[in-house]
Amino acid sequence: MVKVMSQGLFDEETISALRSIFGQMKKELVDVLVVDDPIAPTSRTPSCATCKEAKILAEELERISGGKLKFHIIGKNSPEAKLLKPRYLPAFIYDTPKRNIRYYGLPSGQEFAPFIYIHRYVDWGNVKLQENVIKIVREIDVPLHIKIFVTPECPYCPLVVDQFNQFGLVNGKLIVETIEAMENPREADIYGVSYVPDVVITDPSEYDTYGAPPVERINGYLPAEQTVLFLKSAAEKIASRSRR
């Protein structure tokens, strides 16, 4: 759909496509962007490889969208960031009621499309999942921590990210994190991620534990009808543990 360029950020075709998408939005959305320093974010440092670029991207999207998409840019040590508890930087936290859907890293390459599409779902107040899938997702009453490991050039990653983003919109108990594994390799290394997409589902009670033991794991792309069975299984396992 779109092409992110290194200097001008976007080519004219991409700018036109983005303006068309934002022009159809009825709501003004405000994402949170957490960086190391909101005034002068750095780049290529151990704590945040692309914070500077993330801020530039946010400002450019605000301009192209005509204010339909805005970004509240905050520092990692701010009181708001401490409440949101992003686990990696930069952290794009989407404008959802529970702020439960996030992207860690710079959304470039193939990953830019689902980064844009989630704003359409939020604006619509709806998703494009089948009703039987929506029903299963809504019935999950146990919080789940979902970590989706991706890379910018992975062809199937956008499908998986888009799928789980929609799950997170249907059920706010699901913490959905897309993690750009090349920028943020900490957990990808712990889990031995050898190809992407790789989805690790863990118990949210271990949210602060990097590399928490997987409850379920999905390697590669599966249709939503199959994916939700892994979510249901993970919820049942965590519920069973809490009853012991």
Protein backbone atom coordinates (compact mmCIF):
# COMPACT_ATOMS: atom_id res chain seq x y z
CA MET A 1 0.00 0.00 0.00
CA VAL A 2 2.60 2.54 1.07
CA LYS A 3 6.29 3.26 0.81
CA VAL A 4 8.28 4.88 3.60
CA MET A 5 11.31 6.78 2.29
CA SER A 6 14.39 7.62 4.32
CA GLN A 7 14.61 11.39 3.82
CA GLY A 8 11.38 12.82 2.40
CA LEU A 9 9.64 10.02 4.32
CA PHE A 10 6.94 9.43 1.69
CA ASP A 11 6.73 9.52 -2.09
CA GLU A 12 3.86 11.37 -3.76
CA GLU A 13 1.86 8.22 -4.40
CA THR A 14 1.97 7.32 -0.71
CA ILE A 15 1.04 10.84 0.37
CA SER A 16 -1.98 10.71 -1.94
CA ALA A 17 -3.04 7.31 -0.56
CA LEU A 18 -2.67 8.51 3.02
CA ARG A 19 -4.65 11.68 2.38
CA SER A 20 -7.43 9.58 0.89
CA ILE A 21 -7.53 7.33 3.97
CA PHE A 22 -7.39 10.17 6.47
CA GLY A 23 -9.90 12.17 4.44
CA GLN A 24 -12.50 9.47 5.01
CA MET A 25 -12.03 9.47 8.78
CA LYS A 26 -14.79 11.07 10.82
CA LYS A 27 -12.96 11.16 14.14
CA GLU A 28 -9.79 12.87 15.30
CA LEU A 29 -7.55 10.25 16.87
CA VAL A 30 -4.70 10.88 19.28
CA ASP A 31 -2.04 8.20 19.63
CA VAL A 32 0.62 8.31 22.32
CA LEU A 33 4.24 8.11 21.23
CA VAL A 34 6.73 7.34 23.99
CA VAL A 35 10.37 8.21 23.27
CA ASP A 36 13.48 8.68 25.36
CA ASP A 37 13.28 12.50 25.23
CA PRO A 38 10.23 14.27 23.74
CA ILE A 39 12.20 17.45 23.01
CA ALA A 40 15.32 15.96 21.48
CA PRO A 41 14.83 12.22 20.93
CA THR A 42 17.93 10.24 20.04
CA SER A 43 18.56 7.47 17.57
CA ARG A 44 20.87 4.50 17.31
CA THR A 45 21.32 4.16 21.05
CA PRO A 46 20.82 1.00 23.11
CA SER A 47 17.72 2.43 24.77
CA CYS A 48 16.02 3.60 21.57
CA ALA A 49 17.35 2.94 18.08
CA THR A 50 14.74 5.00 16.23
CA CYS A 51 13.17 7.48 18.65
CA LYS A 52 14.25 10.45 16.52
CA GLU A 53 12.82 8.89 13.37
CA ALA A 54 9.60 7.95 15.17
CA LYS A 55 9.00 11.56 16.18
CA ILE A 56 9.64 12.74 12.61
CA LEU A 57 7.17 10.13 11.33
CA ALA A 58 4.53 11.21 13.84
CA GLU A 59 4.90 14.88 12.90
CA GLU A 60 4.68 14.07 9.18
CA LEU A 61 1.54 11.98 9.64
CA GLU A 62 -0.07 14.79 11.61
CA ARG A 63 0.67 17.14 8.72
CA ILE A 64 -0.55 14.79 5.98
CA SER A 65 -3.71 13.87 7.89
CA GLY A 66 -4.67 17.49 8.41
CA GLY A 67 -4.99 16.84 12.13
CA LYS A 68 -7.17 13.73 11.82
CA LEU A 69 -4.32 11.75 13.40
CA LYS A 70 -2.37 13.43 16.17
CA PHE A 71 0.37 12.21 18.47
CA HIS A 72 0.86 13.01 22.13
CA ILE A 73 4.63 12.68 22.41
CA ILE A 74 5.94 11.97 25.90
CA GLY A 75 9.20 10.93 27.52
CA LYS A 76 9.82 7.50 28.98
CA ASN A 77 10.16 8.94 32.49
CA SER A 78 6.96 11.00 32.43
CA PRO A 79 4.12 10.13 34.83
CA GLU A 80 1.89 9.16 31.89
CA ALA A 81 4.52 6.79 30.49
CA LYS A 82 4.88 5.16 33.89
CA LEU A 83 1.14 4.46 33.85
CA LEU A 84 1.17 3.13 30.29
CA LYS A 85 4.30 1.03 30.98
CA PRO A 86 5.67 0.57 27.45
CA ARG A 87 8.19 -2.25 27.38
CA TYR A 88 10.25 -0.94 24.45
CA LEU A 89 10.99 2.38 22.73
CA PRO A 90 9.82 3.99 20.60
CA ALA A 91 6.32 2.96 21.60
CA PHE A 92 3.32 3.88 19.46
CA ILE A 93 0.24 3.38 21.63
CA TYR A 94 -2.95 3.58 19.63
CA ASP A 95 -6.02 5.63 20.54
CA THR A 96 -8.13 2.77 21.88
CA PRO A 97 -10.23 2.90 25.07
CA LYS A 98 -7.82 0.67 27.02
CA ARG A 99 -4.62 1.76 25.23
CA ASN A 100 -4.00 -1.97 24.93
CA ILE A 101 -2.63 -2.10 21.36
CA ARG A 102 0.94 -0.99 20.71
CA TYR A 103 3.73 -0.97 18.15
CA TYR A 104 7.31 -1.02 19.42
CA GLY A 105 9.83 0.27 16.91
CA LEU A 106 9.60 2.24 13.69
CA PRO A 107 6.67 1.02 11.52
CA SER A 108 8.35 0.83 8.13
CA GLY A 109 8.29 -1.45 5.11
CA GLN A 110 5.51 -4.02 5.21
CA GLU A 111 4.57 -3.00 8.75
CA PHE A 112 3.39 0.45 7.77
CA ALA A 113 0.10 -0.82 6.32
CA PRO A 114 -1.35 -2.36 9.53
CA PHE A 115 -0.03 0.67 11.42
CA ILE A 116 -2.34 2.83 9.28
CA TYR A 117 -5.24 0.38 9.01
CA ILE A 118 -5.87 0.16 12.75
CA HIS A 119 -6.82 3.83 12.71
CA ARG A 120 -9.53 3.06 10.18
CA TYR A 121 -10.96 0.36 12.45
CA VAL A 122 -10.94 2.73 15.43
CA ASP A 123 -12.61 5.41 13.33
CA TRP A 124 -15.25 2.97 12.06
CA GLY A 125 -15.86 1.53 15.51
CA ASN A 126 -15.84 -1.85 13.82
CA VAL A 127 -13.58 -4.59 12.45
CA LYS A 128 -13.71 -6.88 9.42
CA LEU A 129 -13.50 -10.21 11.25
CA GLN A 130 -16.17 -12.82 10.72
CA GLU A 131 -18.94 -12.90 13.33
CA ASN A 132 -18.02 -16.38 14.61
CA VAL A 133 -14.46 -15.16 15.26
CA ILE A 134 -15.69 -11.99 16.97
CA LYS A 135 -17.92 -14.07 19.22
CA ILE A 136 -15.03 -16.24 20.43
CA VAL A 137 -12.77 -13.23 21.02
CA ARG A 138 -15.47 -11.41 22.99
CA GLU A 139 -16.03 -14.44 25.20
CA ILE A 140 -12.40 -14.50 26.39
CA ASP A 141 -12.66 -13.24 29.97
CA VAL A 142 -9.04 -13.75 31.00
CA PRO A 143 -6.42 -11.08 30.17
CA LEU A 144 -3.74 -12.19 27.71
CA HIS A 145 -0.37 -10.66 26.83
CA ILE A 146 0.25 -11.12 23.10
CA LYS A 147 3.71 -10.43 21.63
CA ILE A 148 3.98 -10.39 17.83
CA PHE A 149 7.55 -10.46 16.55
CA VAL A 150 7.95 -8.95 13.08
CA THR A 151 10.51 -7.47 10.70
CA PRO A 152 9.92 -4.74 8.08
CA GLU A 153 10.26 -6.98 5.02
CA CYS A 154 8.24 -9.98 6.26
CA PRO A 155 5.38 -10.53 3.77
CA TYR A 156 3.03 -12.36 6.17
CA CYS A 157 3.65 -10.20 9.23
CA PRO A 158 1.14 -7.47 8.25
CA LEU A 159 -1.63 -10.06 7.99
CA VAL A 160 -0.91 -11.36 11.47
CA VAL A 161 -0.53 -7.90 12.99
CA ASP A 162 -3.77 -6.70 11.40
CA GLN A 163 -5.55 -9.80 12.70
CA PHE A 164 -4.37 -9.36 16.30
CA ASN A 165 -4.96 -5.60 16.25
CA GLN A 166 -8.58 -6.37 15.45
CA PHE A 167 -8.72 -8.93 18.26
CA GLY A 168 -7.48 -6.22 20.64
CA LEU A 169 -10.20 -3.85 19.47
CA VAL A 170 -12.88 -6.48 20.03
CA ASN A 171 -11.64 -7.37 23.52
CA GLY A 172 -9.80 -4.83 25.67
CA LYS A 173 -8.49 -7.59 27.95
CA LEU A 174 -5.99 -8.51 25.25
CA ILE A 175 -2.68 -6.64 25.43
CA VAL A 176 -1.45 -6.70 21.84
CA GLU A 177 2.16 -5.71 21.22
CA THR A 178 3.86 -5.72 17.84
CA ILE A 179 7.62 -5.87 18.40
CA GLU A 180 10.03 -5.01 15.61
CA ALA A 181 12.51 -7.79 16.34
CA MET A 182 15.53 -6.24 14.63
CA GLU A 183 15.24 -3.03 16.63
CA ASN A 184 14.20 -4.74 19.85
CA PRO A 185 15.87 -8.17 19.88
CA ARG A 186 15.81 -8.77 23.63
CA GLU A 187 12.84 -11.11 23.80
CA ALA A 188 13.23 -12.36 20.24
CA ASP A 189 16.59 -13.75 21.35
CA ILE A 190 15.19 -15.20 24.57
CA TYR A 191 12.38 -16.96 22.70
CA GLY A 192 14.70 -18.09 19.93
CA VAL A 193 12.71 -16.40 17.19
CA SER A 194 14.23 -17.73 13.97
CA TYR A 195 11.57 -16.57 11.52
CA VAL A 196 8.64 -14.20 11.59
CA PRO A 197 5.81 -13.70 12.23
CA ASP A 198 6.15 -15.40 15.59
CA VAL A 199 3.44 -14.84 18.20
CA VAL A 200 4.04 -15.57 21.87
CA ILE A 201 1.12 -15.45 24.31
CA THR A 202 1.97 -15.07 28.00
CA ASP A 203 0.26 -14.42 31.31
CA PRO A 204 -0.17 -10.64 31.88
CA SER A 205 0.71 -11.16 35.55
CA GLU A 206 4.27 -11.50 34.19
CA TYR A 207 4.03 -8.37 32.03
CA ASP A 208 7.25 -6.92 33.45
CA THR A 209 9.19 -10.14 32.92
CA TYR A 210 11.01 -10.11 29.59
CA GLY A 211 10.91 -13.60 28.19
CA ALA A 212 8.03 -14.79 30.38
CA PRO A 213 7.17 -18.45 29.66
CA PRO A 214 4.80 -18.85 26.70
CA VAL A 215 1.32 -20.16 27.40
CA GLU A 216 0.74 -20.61 23.66
CA ARG A 217 2.82 -19.86 20.59
CA ILE A 218 1.96 -19.43 16.92
CA ASN A 219 4.65 -19.61 14.25
CA GLY A 220 3.67 -18.13 10.91
CA TYR A 221 0.32 -17.04 9.56
CA LEU A 222 -2.97 -18.78 10.33
CA PRO A 223 -6.51 -17.78 9.34
CA ALA A 224 -8.37 -15.96 12.10
CA GLU A 225 -10.67 -18.96 12.60
CA GLN A 226 -7.65 -21.03 13.68
CA THR A 227 -5.81 -18.29 15.52
CA VAL A 228 -8.68 -17.65 17.94
CA LEU A 229 -8.48 -21.27 19.08
CA PHE A 230 -4.96 -20.55 20.39
CA LEU A 231 -6.30 -17.50 22.22
CA LYS A 232 -9.10 -19.55 23.72
CA SER A 233 -6.64 -22.26 24.77
CA ALA A 234 -4.30 -19.70 26.36
CA ALA A 235 -7.18 -18.16 28.31
CA GLU A 236 -8.29 -21.58 29.55
CA LYS A 237 -4.75 -22.47 30.69
CA ILE A 238 -4.32 -19.20 32.59
CA ALA A 239 -7.77 -19.52 34.17
CA SER A 240 -6.93 -23.07 35.24
CA ARG A 241 -3.73 -21.87 36.93
CA SER A 242 -5.60 -19.21 38.89
CA ARG A 243 -8.00 -21.81 40.26
CA ARG A 244 -5.24 -23.95 41.73
